Amino acid sequence: MKTVKIILIWVIGIMFILTGLSKLTHVDTMSEAIFAKAHYPNILFYVTALVELIGGILLIAKKTKRIGAIMIIAVMLGAISTHFYLHDDMVHIIVPLFIILFAGAVVMKPTE
């Protein structure tokens, strides 16, 4: 079970690193469209990208994984709130919810 957890930490960490980088390089046009549709200020897009990037890096590092998990939870709560605000289909909430649950388990787990 520990191996599965380590793999999930790495998958989620790398996913957030890549997502943050794709926002910063303007490859993630879907997220840009969502931020624009929600009328969020442009700076929030870049702040989110940095939090995703740094959170992913911190999640992978053993000593800082809890801080990274907290950062990822914050981003996913923002994603869920945005999809509610935009009245998007509930399917857009499933993945962020599972990421929150997993990241929450990382935060709650005693230090190894």
PDB file of N, CA and C in Angstrom:
ATOM      1  N   MET A   1       0.825  -1.199   0.000  1.00  0.00           N
ATOM      2  CA  MET A   1       0.000   0.000   0.000  1.00  0.00           C
ATOM      3  C   MET A   1       0.865   1.259   0.000  1.00  0.00           C
ATOM      4  N   LYS A   2       2.014   1.180   0.664  1.00  0.00           N
ATOM      5  CA  LYS A   2       2.914   2.321   0.722  1.00  0.00           C
ATOM      6  C   LYS A   2       3.430   2.667  -0.678  1.00  0.00           C
ATOM      7  N   THR A   3       3.669   1.639  -1.492  1.00  0.00           N
ATOM      8  CA  THR A   3       4.145   1.865  -2.859  1.00  0.00           C
ATOM      9  C   THR A   3       3.091   2.591  -3.686  1.00  0.00           C
ATOM     10  N   VAL A   4       1.835   2.220  -3.513  1.00  0.00           N
ATOM     11  CA  VAL A   4       0.745   2.879  -4.236  1.00  0.00           C
ATOM     12  C   VAL A   4       0.679   4.350  -3.842  1.00  0.00           C
ATOM     13  N   LYS A   5       0.831   4.621  -2.549  1.00  0.00           N
ATOM     14  CA  LYS A   5       0.794   6.004  -2.068  1.00  0.00           C
ATOM     15  C   LYS A   5       1.934   6.821  -2.669  1.00  0.00           C
ATOM     16  N   ILE A   6       3.117   6.240  -2.690  1.00  0.00           N
ATOM     17  CA  ILE A   6       4.274   6.946  -3.260  1.00  0.00           C
ATOM     18  C   ILE A   6       4.051   7.227  -4.741  1.00  0.00           C
ATOM     19  N   ILE A   7       3.527   6.254  -5.456  1.00  0.00           N
ATOM     20  CA  ILE A   7       3.246   6.445  -6.890  1.00  0.00           C
ATOM     21  C   ILE A   7       2.225   7.553  -7.081  1.00  0.00           C
ATOM     22  N   LEU A   8       1.152   7.552  -6.277  1.00  0.00           N
ATOM     23  CA  LEU A   8       0.124   8.595  -6.387  1.00  0.00           C
ATOM     24  C   LEU A   8       0.692   9.972  -6.064  1.00  0.00           C
ATOM     25  N   ILE A   9       1.547  10.042  -5.064  1.00  0.00           N
ATOM     26  CA  ILE A   9       2.174  11.325  -4.728  1.00  0.00           C
ATOM     27  C   ILE A   9       2.969  11.835  -5.924  1.00  0.00           C
ATOM     28  N   TRP A  10       3.748  10.958  -6.536  1.00  0.00           N
ATOM     29  CA  TRP A  10       4.554  11.363  -7.695  1.00  0.00           C
ATOM     30  C   TRP A  10       3.685  11.742  -8.891  1.00  0.00           C
ATOM     31  N   VAL A  11       2.647  10.966  -9.150  1.00  0.00           N
ATOM     32  CA  VAL A  11       1.756  11.270 -10.290  1.00  0.00           C
ATOM     33  C   VAL A  11       1.089  12.623 -10.091  1.00  0.00           C
ATOM     34  N   ILE A  12       0.529  12.852  -8.914  1.00  0.00           N
ATOM     35  CA  ILE A  12      -0.145  14.126  -8.643  1.00  0.00           C
ATOM     36  C   ILE A  12       0.865  15.275  -8.635  1.00  0.00           C
ATOM     37  N   GLY A  13       2.023  15.050  -8.022  1.00  0.00           N
ATOM     38  CA  GLY A  13       3.055  16.090  -8.007  1.00  0.00           C
ATOM     39  C   GLY A  13       3.484  16.487  -9.412  1.00  0.00           C
ATOM     40  N   ILE A  14       3.784  15.506 -10.244  1.00  0.00           N
ATOM     41  CA  ILE A  14       4.197  15.792 -11.621  1.00  0.00           C
ATOM     42  C   ILE A  14       3.061  16.440 -12.407  1.00  0.00           C
ATOM     43  N   MET A  15       1.833  15.968 -12.166  1.00  0.00           N
ATOM     44  CA  MET A  15       0.686  16.560 -12.848  1.00  0.00           C
ATOM     45  C   MET A  15       0.565  18.051 -12.525  1.00  0.00           C
ATOM     46  N   PHE A  16       0.761  18.419 -11.264  1.00  0.00           N
ATOM     47  CA  PHE A  16       0.652  19.826 -10.882  1.00  0.00           C
ATOM     48  C   PHE A  16       1.839  20.646 -11.366  1.00  0.00           C
ATOM     49  N   ILE A  17       3.013  20.055 -11.391  1.00  0.00           N
ATOM     50  CA  ILE A  17       4.167  20.747 -11.954  1.00  0.00           C
ATOM     51  C   ILE A  17       3.905  21.068 -13.422  1.00  0.00           C
ATOM     52  N   LEU A  18       3.439  20.079 -14.171  1.00  0.00           N
ATOM     53  CA  LEU A  18       3.172  20.283 -15.594  1.00  0.00           C
ATOM     54  C   LEU A  18       2.015  21.255 -15.827  1.00  0.00           C
ATOM     55  N   THR A  19       0.988  21.175 -14.977  1.00  0.00           N
ATOM     56  CA  THR A  19      -0.143  22.090 -15.116  1.00  0.00           C
ATOM     57  C   THR A  19       0.287  23.527 -14.845  1.00  0.00           C
ATOM     58  N   GLY A  20       1.090  23.721 -13.803  1.00  0.00           N
ATOM     59  CA  GLY A  20       1.593  25.061 -13.502  1.00  0.00           C
ATOM     60  C   GLY A  20       2.443  25.599 -14.639  1.00  0.00           C
ATOM     61  N   LEU A  21       3.331  24.754 -15.160  1.00  0.00           N
ATOM     62  CA  LEU A  21       4.177  25.178 -16.283  1.00  0.00           C
ATOM     63  C   LEU A  21       3.355  25.482 -17.533  1.00  0.00           C
ATOM     64  N   SER A  22       2.324  24.683 -17.779  1.00  0.00           N
ATOM     65  CA  SER A  22       1.500  24.923 -18.973  1.00  0.00           C
ATOM     66  C   SER A  22       0.732  26.236 -18.865  1.00  0.00           C
ATOM     67  N   LYS A  23       0.353  26.608 -17.654  1.00  0.00           N
ATOM     68  CA  LYS A  23      -0.304  27.907 -17.466  1.00  0.00           C
ATOM     69  C   LYS A  23       0.694  29.043 -17.691  1.00  0.00           C
ATOM     70  N   LEU A  24       1.884  28.889 -17.110  1.00  0.00           N
ATOM     71  CA  LEU A  24       2.885  29.947 -17.231  1.00  0.00           C
ATOM     72  C   LEU A  24       3.365  30.156 -18.668  1.00  0.00           C
ATOM     73  N   THR A  25       3.303  29.104 -19.476  1.00  0.00           N
ATOM     74  CA  THR A  25       3.738  29.200 -20.872  1.00  0.00           C
ATOM     75  C   THR A  25       2.560  29.381 -21.832  1.00  0.00           C
ATOM     76  N   HIS A  26       1.377  29.570 -21.287  1.00  0.00           N
ATOM     77  CA  HIS A  26       0.144  29.806 -22.058  1.00  0.00           C
ATOM     78  C   HIS A  26      -0.211  28.656 -22.991  1.00  0.00           C
ATOM     79  N   VAL A  27       0.162  27.437 -22.591  1.00  0.00           N
ATOM     80  CA  VAL A  27      -0.242  26.251 -23.344  1.00  0.00           C
ATOM     81  C   VAL A  27      -1.637  25.820 -22.903  1.00  0.00           C
ATOM     82  N   ASP A  28      -1.969  26.079 -21.649  1.00  0.00           N
ATOM     83  CA  ASP A  28      -3.253  25.681 -21.066  1.00  0.00           C
ATOM     84  C   ASP A  28      -4.315  26.736 -21.378  1.00  0.00           C
ATOM     85  N   THR A  29      -4.798  26.712 -22.603  1.00  0.00           N
ATOM     86  CA  THR A  29      -5.793  27.707 -23.029  1.00  0.00           C
ATOM     87  C   THR A  29      -7.165  27.446 -22.412  1.00  0.00           C
ATOM     88  N   MET A  30      -7.438  26.205 -22.049  1.00  0.00           N
ATOM     89  CA  MET A  30      -8.723  25.896 -21.429  1.00  0.00           C
ATOM     90  C   MET A  30      -8.840  26.612 -20.075  1.00  0.00           C
ATOM     91  N   SER A  31      -7.785  26.544 -19.274  1.00  0.00           N
ATOM     92  CA  SER A  31      -7.807  27.230 -17.976  1.00  0.00           C
ATOM     93  C   SER A  31      -7.894  28.743 -18.159  1.00  0.00           C
ATOM     94  N   GLU A  32      -7.191  29.257 -19.151  1.00  0.00           N
ATOM     95  CA  GLU A  32      -7.276  30.704 -19.428  1.00  0.00           C
ATOM     96  C   GLU A  32      -8.715  31.098 -19.746  1.00  0.00           C
ATOM     97  N   ALA A  33      -9.400  30.271 -20.516  1.00  0.00           N
ATOM     98  CA  ALA A  33     -10.794  30.554 -20.873  1.00  0.00           C
ATOM     99  C   ALA A  33     -11.696  30.497 -19.641  1.00  0.00           C
ATOM    100  N   ILE A  34     -11.441  29.544 -18.755  1.00  0.00           N
ATOM    101  CA  ILE A  34     -12.249  29.428 -17.530  1.00  0.00           C
ATOM    102  C   ILE A  34     -12.044  30.652 -16.644  1.00  0.00           C
ATOM    103  N   PHE A  35     -10.786  31.080 -16.476  1.00  0.00           N
ATOM    104  CA  PHE A  35     -10.502  32.268 -15.661  1.00  0.00           C
ATOM    105  C   PHE A  35     -11.165  33.507 -16.272  1.00  0.00           C
ATOM    106  N   ALA A  36     -11.118  33.608 -17.593  1.00  0.00           N
ATOM    107  CA  ALA A  36     -11.743  34.754 -18.265  1.00  0.00           C
ATOM    108  C   ALA A  36     -13.261  34.717 -18.101  1.00  0.00           C
ATOM    109  N   LYS A  37     -13.845  33.535 -18.258  1.00  0.00           N
ATOM    110  CA  LYS A  37     -15.302  33.382 -18.123  1.00  0.00           C
ATOM    111  C   LYS A  37     -15.768  33.752 -16.712  1.00  0.00           C
ATOM    112  N   ALA A  38     -14.913  33.447 -15.714  1.00  0.00           N
ATOM    113  CA  ALA A  38     -15.246  33.768 -14.323  1.00  0.00           C
ATOM    114  C   ALA A  38     -14.908  35.215 -13.973  1.00  0.00           C
ATOM    115  N   HIS A  39     -14.332  35.950 -14.920  1.00  0.00           N
ATOM    116  CA  HIS A  39     -13.939  37.354 -14.735  1.00  0.00           C
ATOM    117  C   HIS A  39     -12.920  37.521 -13.613  1.00  0.00           C
ATOM    118  N   TYR A  40     -12.018  36.543 -13.476  1.00  0.00           N
ATOM    119  CA  TYR A  40     -10.945  36.651 -12.495  1.00  0.00           C
ATOM    120  C   TYR A  40      -9.861  37.580 -13.039  1.00  0.00           C
ATOM    121  N   PRO A  41      -9.173  38.302 -12.174  1.00  0.00           N
ATOM    122  CA  PRO A  41      -8.073  39.153 -12.647  1.00  0.00           C
ATOM    123  C   PRO A  41      -6.942  38.282 -13.201  1.00  0.00           C
ATOM    124  N   ASN A  42      -6.237  38.801 -14.195  1.00  0.00           N
ATOM    125  CA  ASN A  42      -5.157  38.044 -14.841  1.00  0.00           C
ATOM    126  C   ASN A  42      -4.100  37.577 -13.853  1.00  0.00           C
ATOM    127  N   ILE A  43      -3.824  38.384 -12.848  1.00  0.00           N
ATOM    128  CA  ILE A  43      -2.785  38.029 -11.882  1.00  0.00           C
ATOM    129  C   ILE A  43      -3.124  36.732 -11.162  1.00  0.00           C
ATOM    130  N   LEU A  44      -4.405  36.456 -10.953  1.00  0.00           N
ATOM    131  CA  LEU A  44      -4.820  35.230 -10.271  1.00  0.00           C
ATOM    132  C   LEU A  44      -4.440  33.992 -11.078  1.00  0.00           C
ATOM    133  N   PHE A  45      -4.468  34.116 -12.396  1.00  0.00           N
ATOM    134  CA  PHE A  45      -4.069  33.013 -13.271  1.00  0.00           C
ATOM    135  C   PHE A  45      -2.610  32.649 -13.014  1.00  0.00           C
ATOM    136  N   TYR A  46      -1.753  33.663 -12.906  1.00  0.00           N
ATOM    137  CA  TYR A  46      -0.324  33.420 -12.687  1.00  0.00           C
ATOM    138  C   TYR A  46      -0.039  32.963 -11.257  1.00  0.00           C
ATOM    139  N   VAL A  47      -0.772  33.505 -10.303  1.00  0.00           N
ATOM    140  CA  VAL A  47      -0.614  33.062  -8.918  1.00  0.00           C
ATOM    141  C   VAL A  47      -0.998  31.584  -8.807  1.00  0.00           C
ATOM    142  N   THR A  48      -2.101  31.222  -9.429  1.00  0.00           N
ATOM    143  CA  THR A  48      -2.540  29.826  -9.424  1.00  0.00           C
ATOM    144  C   THR A  48      -1.483  28.937 -10.067  1.00  0.00           C
ATOM    145  N   ALA A  49      -0.932  29.376 -11.183  1.00  0.00           N
ATOM    146  CA  ALA A  49       0.108  28.603 -11.863  1.00  0.00           C
ATOM    147  C   ALA A  49       1.317  28.384 -10.955  1.00  0.00           C
ATOM    148  N   LEU A  50       1.732  29.427 -10.261  1.00  0.00           N
ATOM    149  CA  LEU A  50       2.878  29.299  -9.350  1.00  0.00           C
ATOM    150  C   LEU A  50       2.571  28.391  -8.166  1.00  0.00           C
ATOM    151  N   VAL A  51       1.373  28.504  -7.625  1.00  0.00           N
ATOM    152  CA  VAL A  51       0.992  27.642  -6.503  1.00  0.00           C
ATOM    153  C   VAL A  51       0.952  26.184  -6.960  1.00  0.00           C
ATOM    154  N   GLU A  52       0.441  25.926  -8.157  1.00  0.00           N
ATOM    155  CA  GLU A  52       0.424  24.567  -8.688  1.00  0.00           C
ATOM    156  C   GLU A  52       1.845  24.040  -8.872  1.00  0.00           C
ATOM    157  N   LEU A  53       2.694  24.838  -9.474  1.00  0.00           N
ATOM    158  CA  LEU A  53       4.072  24.438  -9.732  1.00  0.00           C
ATOM    159  C   LEU A  53       4.818  24.161  -8.427  1.00  0.00           C
ATOM    160  N   ILE A  54       4.780  25.106  -7.517  1.00  0.00           N
ATOM    161  CA  ILE A  54       5.498  24.955  -6.243  1.00  0.00           C
ATOM    162  C   ILE A  54       4.870  23.843  -5.398  1.00  0.00           C
ATOM    163  N   GLY A  55       3.545  23.782  -5.382  1.00  0.00           N
ATOM    164  CA  GLY A  55       2.861  22.722  -4.630  1.00  0.00           C
ATOM    165  C   GLY A  55       3.236  21.341  -5.129  1.00  0.00           C
ATOM    166  N   GLY A  56       3.333  21.181  -6.446  1.00  0.00           N
ATOM    167  CA  GLY A  56       3.737  19.898  -7.011  1.00  0.00           C
ATOM    168  C   GLY A  56       5.147  19.520  -6.626  1.00  0.00           C
ATOM    169  N   ILE A  57       6.041  20.482  -6.668  1.00  0.00           N
ATOM    170  CA  ILE A  57       7.438  20.236  -6.278  1.00  0.00           C
ATOM    171  C   ILE A  57       7.524  19.867  -4.802  1.00  0.00           C
ATOM    172  N   LEU A  58       6.827  20.630  -3.966  1.00  0.00           N
ATOM    173  CA  LEU A  58       6.857  20.364  -2.525  1.00  0.00           C
ATOM    174  C   LEU A  58       6.211  19.028  -2.173  1.00  0.00           C
ATOM    175  N   LEU A  59       5.192  18.626  -2.927  1.00  0.00           N
ATOM    176  CA  LEU A  59       4.530  17.347  -2.669  1.00  0.00           C
ATOM    177  C   LEU A  59       5.491  16.184  -2.902  1.00  0.00           C
ATOM    178  N   ILE A  60       6.307  16.296  -3.909  1.00  0.00           N
ATOM    179  CA  ILE A  60       7.236  15.216  -4.242  1.00  0.00           C
ATOM    180  C   ILE A  60       8.369  15.114  -3.216  1.00  0.00           C
ATOM    181  N   ALA A  61       8.821  16.244  -2.699  1.00  0.00           N
ATOM    182  CA  ALA A  61       9.909  16.242  -1.716  1.00  0.00           C
ATOM    183  C   ALA A  61       9.385  15.705  -0.381  1.00  0.00           C
ATOM    184  N   LYS A  62      10.057  14.720   0.170  1.00  0.00           N
ATOM    185  CA  LYS A  62       9.570  14.027   1.365  1.00  0.00           C
ATOM    186  C   LYS A  62       9.337  14.950   2.561  1.00  0.00           C
ATOM    187  N   LYS A  63      10.246  15.865   2.811  1.00  0.00           N
ATOM    188  CA  LYS A  63      10.146  16.726   3.996  1.00  0.00           C
ATOM    189  C   LYS A  63       9.099  17.819   3.861  1.00  0.00           C
ATOM    190  N   THR A  64       8.676  18.134   2.636  1.00  0.00           N
ATOM    191  CA  THR A  64       7.734  19.237   2.422  1.00  0.00           C
ATOM    192  C   THR A  64       6.417  18.781   1.812  1.00  0.00           C
ATOM    193  N   LYS A  65       6.185  17.470   1.796  1.00  0.00           N
ATOM    194  CA  LYS A  65       4.985  16.971   1.112  1.00  0.00           C
ATOM    195  C   LYS A  65       3.685  17.485   1.737  1.00  0.00           C
ATOM    196  N   ARG A  66       3.677  17.711   3.035  1.00  0.00           N
ATOM    197  CA  ARG A  66       2.459  18.237   3.677  1.00  0.00           C
ATOM    198  C   ARG A  66       2.154  19.656   3.213  1.00  0.00           C
ATOM    199  N   ILE A  67       3.178  20.480   3.115  1.00  0.00           N
ATOM    200  CA  ILE A  67       2.975  21.858   2.627  1.00  0.00           C
ATOM    201  C   ILE A  67       2.480  21.822   1.185  1.00  0.00           C
ATOM    202  N   GLY A  68       3.091  20.969   0.369  1.00  0.00           N
ATOM    203  CA  GLY A  68       2.647  20.824  -1.020  1.00  0.00           C
ATOM    204  C   GLY A  68       1.210  20.356  -1.102  1.00  0.00           C
ATOM    205  N   ALA A  69       0.840  19.400  -0.257  1.00  0.00           N
ATOM    206  CA  ALA A  69      -0.531  18.891  -0.251  1.00  0.00           C
ATOM    207  C   ALA A  69      -1.522  19.993   0.124  1.00  0.00           C
ATOM    208  N   ILE A  70      -1.159  20.823   1.090  1.00  0.00           N
ATOM    209  CA  ILE A  70      -2.031  21.930   1.496  1.00  0.00           C
ATOM    210  C   ILE A  70      -2.199  22.921   0.347  1.00  0.00           C
ATOM    211  N   MET A  71      -1.118  23.200  -0.363  1.00  0.00           N
ATOM    212  CA  MET A  71      -1.202  24.119  -1.507  1.00  0.00           C
ATOM    213  C   MET A  71      -2.099  23.542  -2.598  1.00  0.00           C
ATOM    214  N   ILE A  72      -1.977  22.250  -2.840  1.00  0.00           N
ATOM    215  CA  ILE A  72      -2.795  21.596  -3.859  1.00  0.00           C
ATOM    216  C   ILE A  72      -4.266  21.578  -3.439  1.00  0.00           C
ATOM    217  N   ILE A  73      -4.522  21.342  -2.171  1.00  0.00           N
ATOM    218  CA  ILE A  73      -5.904  21.387  -1.675  1.00  0.00           C
ATOM    219  C   ILE A  73      -6.497  22.774  -1.914  1.00  0.00           C
ATOM    220  N   ALA A  74      -5.727  23.817  -1.632  1.00  0.00           N
ATOM    221  CA  ALA A  74      -6.219  25.184  -1.838  1.00  0.00           C
ATOM    222  C   ALA A  74      -6.574  25.424  -3.306  1.00  0.00           C
ATOM    223  N   VAL A  75      -5.716  24.974  -4.207  1.00  0.00           N
ATOM    224  CA  VAL A  75      -5.993  25.152  -5.639  1.00  0.00           C
ATOM    225  C   VAL A  75      -7.247  24.378  -6.048  1.00  0.00           C
ATOM    226  N   MET A  76      -7.393  23.165  -5.543  1.00  0.00           N
ATOM    227  CA  MET A  76      -8.551  22.350  -5.917  1.00  0.00           C
ATOM    228  C   MET A  76      -9.847  22.898  -5.324  1.00  0.00           C
ATOM    229  N   LEU A  77      -9.780  23.481  -4.129  1.00  0.00           N
ATOM    230  CA  LEU A  77     -10.967  24.143  -3.577  1.00  0.00           C
ATOM    231  C   LEU A  77     -11.362  25.333  -4.448  1.00  0.00           C
ATOM    232  N   GLY A  78     -10.367  26.046  -4.952  1.00  0.00           N
ATOM    233  CA  GLY A  78     -10.634  27.145  -5.877  1.00  0.00           C
ATOM    234  C   GLY A  78     -11.255  26.649  -7.172  1.00  0.00           C
ATOM    235  N   ALA A  79     -10.766  25.525  -7.671  1.00  0.00           N
ATOM    236  CA  ALA A  79     -11.321  24.949  -8.905  1.00  0.00           C
ATOM    237  C   ALA A  79     -12.786  24.556  -8.706  1.00  0.00           C
ATOM    238  N   ILE A  80     -13.067  23.892  -7.589  1.00  0.00           N
ATOM    239  CA  ILE A  80     -14.452  23.482  -7.314  1.00  0.00           C
ATOM    240  C   ILE A  80     -15.342  24.714  -7.172  1.00  0.00           C
ATOM    241  N   SER A  81     -14.876  25.710  -6.438  1.00  0.00           N
ATOM    242  CA  SER A  81     -15.660  26.942  -6.258  1.00  0.00           C
ATOM    243  C   SER A  81     -15.935  27.618  -7.595  1.00  0.00           C
ATOM    244  N   THR A  82     -14.943  27.642  -8.456  1.00  0.00           N
ATOM    245  CA  THR A  82     -15.103  28.271  -9.775  1.00  0.00           C
ATOM    246  C   THR A  82     -16.140  27.525 -10.601  1.00  0.00           C
ATOM    247  N   HIS A  83     -16.084  26.197 -10.593  1.00  0.00           N
ATOM    248  CA  HIS A  83     -17.055  25.427 -11.375  1.00  0.00           C
ATOM    249  C   HIS A  83     -18.478  25.598 -10.830  1.00  0.00           C
ATOM    250  N   PHE A  84     -18.604  25.725  -9.510  1.00  0.00           N
ATOM    251  CA  PHE A  84     -19.919  26.037  -8.935  1.00  0.00           C
ATOM    252  C   PHE A  84     -20.383  27.422  -9.384  1.00  0.00           C
ATOM    253  N   TYR A  85     -19.486  28.379  -9.294  1.00  0.00           N
ATOM    254  CA  TYR A  85     -19.790  29.764  -9.672  1.00  0.00           C
ATOM    255  C   TYR A  85     -20.232  29.857 -11.131  1.00  0.00           C
ATOM    256  N   LEU A  86     -19.592  29.093 -11.981  1.00  0.00           N
ATOM    257  CA  LEU A  86     -19.916  29.111 -13.419  1.00  0.00           C
ATOM    258  C   LEU A  86     -21.072  28.179 -13.776  1.00  0.00           C
ATOM    259  N   HIS A  87     -21.621  27.494 -12.782  1.00  0.00           N
ATOM    260  CA  HIS A  87     -22.731  26.549 -12.987  1.00  0.00           C
ATOM    261  C   HIS A  87     -22.350  25.457 -13.993  1.00  0.00           C
ATOM    262  N   ASP A  88     -21.100  24.996 -13.919  1.00  0.00           N
ATOM    263  CA  ASP A  88     -20.640  23.913 -14.784  1.00  0.00           C
ATOM    264  C   ASP A  88     -21.245  22.591 -14.327  1.00  0.00           C
ATOM    265  N   ASP A  89     -21.148  21.598 -15.189  1.00  0.00           N
ATOM    266  CA  ASP A  89     -21.631  20.261 -14.838  1.00  0.00           C
ATOM    267  C   ASP A  89     -20.877  19.741 -13.619  1.00  0.00           C
ATOM    268  N   MET A  90     -21.535  18.940 -12.838  1.00  0.00           N
ATOM    269  CA  MET A  90     -20.928  18.388 -11.630  1.00  0.00           C
ATOM    270  C   MET A  90     -19.733  17.485 -11.938  1.00  0.00           C
ATOM    271  N   VAL A  91     -19.640  16.993 -13.141  1.00  0.00           N
ATOM    272  CA  VAL A  91     -18.522  16.124 -13.521  1.00  0.00           C
ATOM    273  C   VAL A  91     -17.182  16.852 -13.374  1.00  0.00           C
ATOM    274  N   HIS A  92     -17.191  18.181 -13.476  1.00  0.00           N
ATOM    275  CA  HIS A  92     -15.963  18.965 -13.333  1.00  0.00           C
ATOM    276  C   HIS A  92     -15.452  19.000 -11.889  1.00  0.00           C
ATOM    277  N   ILE A  93     -16.249  18.503 -10.977  1.00  0.00           N
ATOM    278  CA  ILE A  93     -15.891  18.549  -9.563  1.00  0.00           C
ATOM    279  C   ILE A  93     -15.297  17.220  -9.089  1.00  0.00           C
ATOM    280  N   ILE A  94     -15.506  16.163  -9.836  1.00  0.00           N
ATOM    281  CA  ILE A  94     -15.094  14.826  -9.398  1.00  0.00           C
ATOM    282  C   ILE A  94     -13.580  14.712  -9.226  1.00  0.00           C
ATOM    283  N   VAL A  95     -12.809  15.080 -10.230  1.00  0.00           N
ATOM    284  CA  VAL A  95     -11.349  14.944 -10.141  1.00  0.00           C
ATOM    285  C   VAL A  95     -10.778  15.836  -9.039  1.00  0.00           C
ATOM    286  N   PRO A  96     -11.142  17.134  -8.984  1.00  0.00           N
ATOM    287  CA  PRO A  96     -10.618  17.947  -7.871  1.00  0.00           C
ATOM    288  C   PRO A  96     -10.986  17.383  -6.498  1.00  0.00           C
ATOM    289  N   LEU A  97     -12.165  16.809  -6.380  1.00  0.00           N
ATOM    290  CA  LEU A  97     -12.590  16.241  -5.099  1.00  0.00           C
ATOM    291  C   LEU A  97     -11.708  15.065  -4.702  1.00  0.00           C
ATOM    292  N   PHE A  98     -11.409  14.175  -5.648  1.00  0.00           N
ATOM    293  CA  PHE A  98     -10.536  13.048  -5.343  1.00  0.00           C
ATOM    294  C   PHE A  98      -9.120  13.513  -5.001  1.00  0.00           C
ATOM    295  N   ILE A  99      -8.650  14.534  -5.679  1.00  0.00           N
ATOM    296  CA  ILE A  99      -7.322  15.069  -5.370  1.00  0.00           C
ATOM    297  C   ILE A  99      -7.314  15.665  -3.965  1.00  0.00           C
ATOM    298  N   ILE A 100      -8.379  16.364  -3.597  1.00  0.00           N
ATOM    299  CA  ILE A 100      -8.487  16.915  -2.233  1.00  0.00           C
ATOM    300  C   ILE A 100      -8.470  15.788  -1.204  1.00  0.00           C
ATOM    301  N   LEU A 101      -9.216  14.733  -1.457  1.00  0.00           N
ATOM    302  CA  LEU A 101      -9.258  13.619  -0.509  1.00  0.00           C
ATOM    303  C   LEU A 101      -7.891  12.974  -0.357  1.00  0.00           C
ATOM    304  N   PHE A 102      -7.199  12.761  -1.461  1.00  0.00           N
ATOM    305  CA  PHE A 102      -5.874  12.154  -1.388  1.00  0.00           C
ATOM    306  C   PHE A 102      -4.875  13.094  -0.713  1.00  0.00           C
ATOM    307  N   ALA A 103      -4.874  14.347  -1.115  1.00  0.00           N
ATOM    308  CA  ALA A 103      -3.951  15.311  -0.513  1.00  0.00           C
ATOM    309  C   ALA A 103      -4.246  15.484   0.976  1.00  0.00           C
ATOM    310  N   GLY A 104      -5.516  15.418   1.332  1.00  0.00           N
ATOM    311  CA  GLY A 104      -5.894  15.487   2.745  1.00  0.00           C
ATOM    312  C   GLY A 104      -5.339  14.305   3.523  1.00  0.00           C
ATOM    313  N   ALA A 105      -5.335  13.131   2.904  1.00  0.00           N
ATOM    314  CA  ALA A 105      -4.753  11.951   3.544  1.00  0.00           C
ATOM    315  C   ALA A 105      -3.253  12.125   3.756  1.00  0.00           C
ATOM    316  N   VAL A 106      -2.587  12.784   2.813  1.00  0.00           N
ATOM    317  CA  VAL A 106      -1.153  13.056   2.956  1.00  0.00           C
ATOM    318  C   VAL A 106      -0.928  14.000   4.134  1.00  0.00           C
ATOM    319  N   VAL A 107      -1.767  15.006   4.257  1.00  0.00           N
ATOM    320  CA  VAL A 107      -1.624  15.991   5.341  1.00  0.00           C
ATOM    321  C   VAL A 107      -1.891  15.327   6.692  1.00  0.00           C
ATOM    322  N   MET A 108      -2.886  14.476   6.761  1.00  0.00           N
ATOM    323  CA  MET A 108      -3.289  13.879   8.037  1.00  0.00           C
ATOM    324  C   MET A 108      -2.383  12.738   8.485  1.00  0.00           C
ATOM    325  N   LYS A 109      -1.647  12.149   7.564  1.00  0.00           N
ATOM    326  CA  LYS A 109      -0.788  11.009   7.876  1.00  0.00           C
ATOM    327  C   LYS A 109       0.371  11.435   8.771  1.00  0.00           C
ATOM    328  N   PRO A 110       0.621  10.708   9.849  1.00  0.00           N
ATOM    329  CA  PRO A 110       1.781  11.055  10.687  1.00  0.00           C
ATOM    330  C   PRO A 110       3.072  10.989   9.874  1.00  0.00           C
ATOM    331  N   THR A 111       4.029  11.810  10.226  1.00  0.00           N
ATOM    332  CA  THR A 111       5.302  11.850   9.522  1.00  0.00           C
ATOM    333  C   THR A 111       5.968  10.486   9.580  1.00  0.00           C
ATOM    334  N   GLU A 112       6.455  10.061   8.427  1.00  0.00           N
ATOM    335  CA  GLU A 112       7.080   8.729   8.331  1.00  0.00           C
ATOM    336  C   GLU A 112       8.541   8.813   8.681  1.00  0.00           C
TER     337      GLU A 112
END
